[in-house]
């Protein structure tokens, strides 16, 4: 193989390696996939239905905890008071989790709300290390 072809092959290989590093998630980093949001109806209540919500950071990277976690939440409202340090609607379709503080690995934010229907809640954004 000529020196020119070797150089070109090495250059292409290096470019491919750099591009793959840019697009592949680093194993120690956290992402939106690591924020788990689940909710279920509390069957033990009568009257206005109650729903139990759990938001968990499933990332195993202990050196980085996502903060300023926002959730799609529509016009979220509750007949029962929800601790605003746990979950607070800031505006339409924008709720803040854990008062914006970092959510450590395996940490759970749990709260109960009351409404005639279950609000669809989904991850919106967060600051990741």
Protein backbone atom coordinates (compact mmCIF):
# COMPACT_ATOMS: atom_id res chain seq x y z
CA UNK A 1 0.00 0.00 0.00
CA UNK A 2 1.40 3.41 -0.93
CA UNK A 3 2.16 5.97 1.81
CA UNK A 4 -0.61 8.20 0.47
CA UNK A 5 -3.22 5.44 0.73
CA UNK A 6 -2.01 4.55 4.25
CA UNK A 7 -2.34 8.18 5.28
CA UNK A 8 -5.82 8.42 3.79
CA UNK A 9 -6.93 5.18 5.45
CA UNK A 10 -5.57 6.31 8.83
CA UNK A 11 -7.24 9.71 8.46
CA UNK A 12 -10.61 8.14 7.64
CA UNK A 13 -10.25 5.76 10.58
CA UNK A 14 -9.43 8.60 12.97
CA UNK A 15 -12.38 10.67 11.73
CA UNK A 16 -14.73 7.70 12.21
CA UNK A 17 -13.45 7.12 15.75
CA UNK A 18 -13.90 10.79 16.66
CA UNK A 19 -17.42 10.87 15.19
CA UNK A 20 -18.44 7.71 17.05
CA UNK A 21 -17.18 9.20 20.31
CA UNK A 22 -19.35 12.25 19.75
CA UNK A 23 -22.50 10.21 19.19
CA UNK A 24 -22.06 7.36 21.67
CA UNK A 25 -23.04 8.11 25.25
CA UNK A 26 -20.17 7.88 27.67
CA UNK A 27 -20.84 4.93 30.04
CA UNK A 28 -20.46 7.14 33.11
CA UNK A 29 -22.80 9.91 31.98
CA UNK A 30 -26.46 10.35 32.79
CA UNK A 31 -29.21 11.26 30.34
CA UNK A 32 -32.96 11.76 30.15
CA UNK A 33 -33.34 7.96 29.90
CA UNK A 34 -32.16 7.77 33.51
CA UNK A 35 -35.10 9.79 34.87
CA UNK A 36 -37.96 7.38 35.52
CA UNK A 37 -41.47 8.74 36.11
CA UNK A 38 -44.24 6.40 37.21
CA UNK A 39 -47.65 6.89 38.72
CA UNK A 40 -50.55 4.77 39.83
CA UNK A 41 -53.97 5.23 41.31
CA UNK A 42 -54.23 4.76 45.07
CA UNK A 43 -57.01 2.20 45.40
CA UNK A 44 -57.39 2.86 49.12
CA UNK A 45 -59.16 6.22 48.70
CA UNK A 46 -62.78 7.18 48.33
CA UNK A 47 -64.09 10.43 46.89
CA UNK A 48 -61.63 12.29 44.65
CA UNK A 49 -59.15 9.81 43.19
CA UNK A 50 -55.57 10.00 44.45
CA UNK A 51 -52.50 9.20 42.41
CA UNK A 52 -49.05 8.29 43.70
CA UNK A 53 -46.13 9.58 41.63
CA UNK A 54 -42.52 8.42 41.87
CA UNK A 55 -39.66 10.13 40.06
CA UNK A 56 -36.37 8.24 40.28
CA UNK A 57 -32.84 8.85 39.07
CA UNK A 58 -31.70 5.43 37.83
CA UNK A 59 -28.24 6.62 36.75
CA UNK A 60 -25.45 4.70 38.48
CA UNK A 61 -22.88 7.48 38.05
CA UNK A 62 -22.51 8.67 41.64
CA UNK A 63 -20.38 11.63 40.61
CA UNK A 64 -23.14 13.31 38.66
CA UNK A 65 -26.70 13.98 39.78
CA UNK A 66 -29.09 15.65 37.33
CA UNK A 67 -30.55 18.91 38.59
CA UNK A 68 -33.18 21.40 37.50
CA UNK A 69 -35.42 18.52 36.34
CA UNK A 70 -38.52 19.69 34.48
CA UNK A 71 -41.53 17.55 33.57
CA UNK A 72 -44.29 17.96 30.99
CA UNK A 73 -47.40 18.24 33.18
CA UNK A 74 -50.14 20.19 31.37
CA UNK A 75 -52.26 22.28 33.78
CA UNK A 76 -51.29 20.08 36.72
CA UNK A 77 -53.43 20.77 39.78
CA UNK A 78 -54.39 18.85 42.89
CA UNK A 79 -57.27 19.03 45.36
CA UNK A 80 -54.70 17.85 47.91
CA UNK A 81 -51.67 20.05 48.64
CA UNK A 82 -48.47 18.80 47.04
CA UNK A 83 -45.22 19.83 48.73
CA UNK A 84 -43.73 22.36 46.27
CA UNK A 85 -40.21 21.21 47.20
CA UNK A 86 -41.13 17.84 45.67
CA UNK A 87 -43.17 18.97 42.64
CA UNK A 88 -44.30 22.42 41.55
CA UNK A 89 -46.06 23.67 38.42
CA UNK A 90 -44.22 26.74 37.16
CA UNK A 91 -46.35 27.34 34.08
CA UNK A 92 -48.44 25.39 31.60
CA UNK A 93 -46.73 22.06 30.86
CA UNK A 94 -43.70 22.88 33.00
CA UNK A 95 -43.29 21.37 36.47
CA UNK A 96 -40.12 21.44 38.55
CA UNK A 97 -38.95 18.36 40.48
CA UNK A 98 -37.14 18.43 43.84
CA UNK A 99 -37.08 22.26 43.88
CA UNK A 100 -34.45 22.10 41.14
CA UNK A 101 -31.93 20.43 43.44
CA UNK A 102 -29.84 17.47 42.22
CA UNK A 103 -31.57 14.10 42.27
CA UNK A 104 -28.90 11.64 43.43
CA UNK A 105 -28.61 8.11 42.06
CA UNK A 106 -31.50 5.90 43.22
CA UNK A 107 -33.07 8.87 45.01
CA UNK A 108 -36.87 8.91 44.78
CA UNK A 109 -39.13 11.93 44.81
CA UNK A 110 -42.55 10.68 45.79
CA UNK A 111 -45.80 12.62 46.16
CA UNK A 112 -49.54 12.08 46.03
CA UNK A 113 -52.05 14.28 44.23
CA UNK A 114 -55.84 14.27 44.01
CA UNK A 115 -57.77 14.94 40.84
CA UNK A 116 -60.64 13.46 38.88
CA UNK A 117 -58.13 12.17 36.31
CA UNK A 118 -54.47 11.16 36.07
CA UNK A 119 -52.23 13.80 34.54
CA UNK A 120 -49.82 12.50 31.91
CA UNK A 121 -46.33 13.30 33.24
CA UNK A 122 -43.21 12.99 31.06
CA UNK A 123 -39.60 14.07 31.23
CA UNK A 124 -39.00 17.50 29.67
CA UNK A 125 -35.45 18.63 30.51
CA UNK A 126 -32.67 18.62 33.11
CA UNK A 127 -29.09 19.70 33.62
CA UNK A 128 -26.74 16.74 33.33
CA UNK A 129 -23.04 16.80 34.24
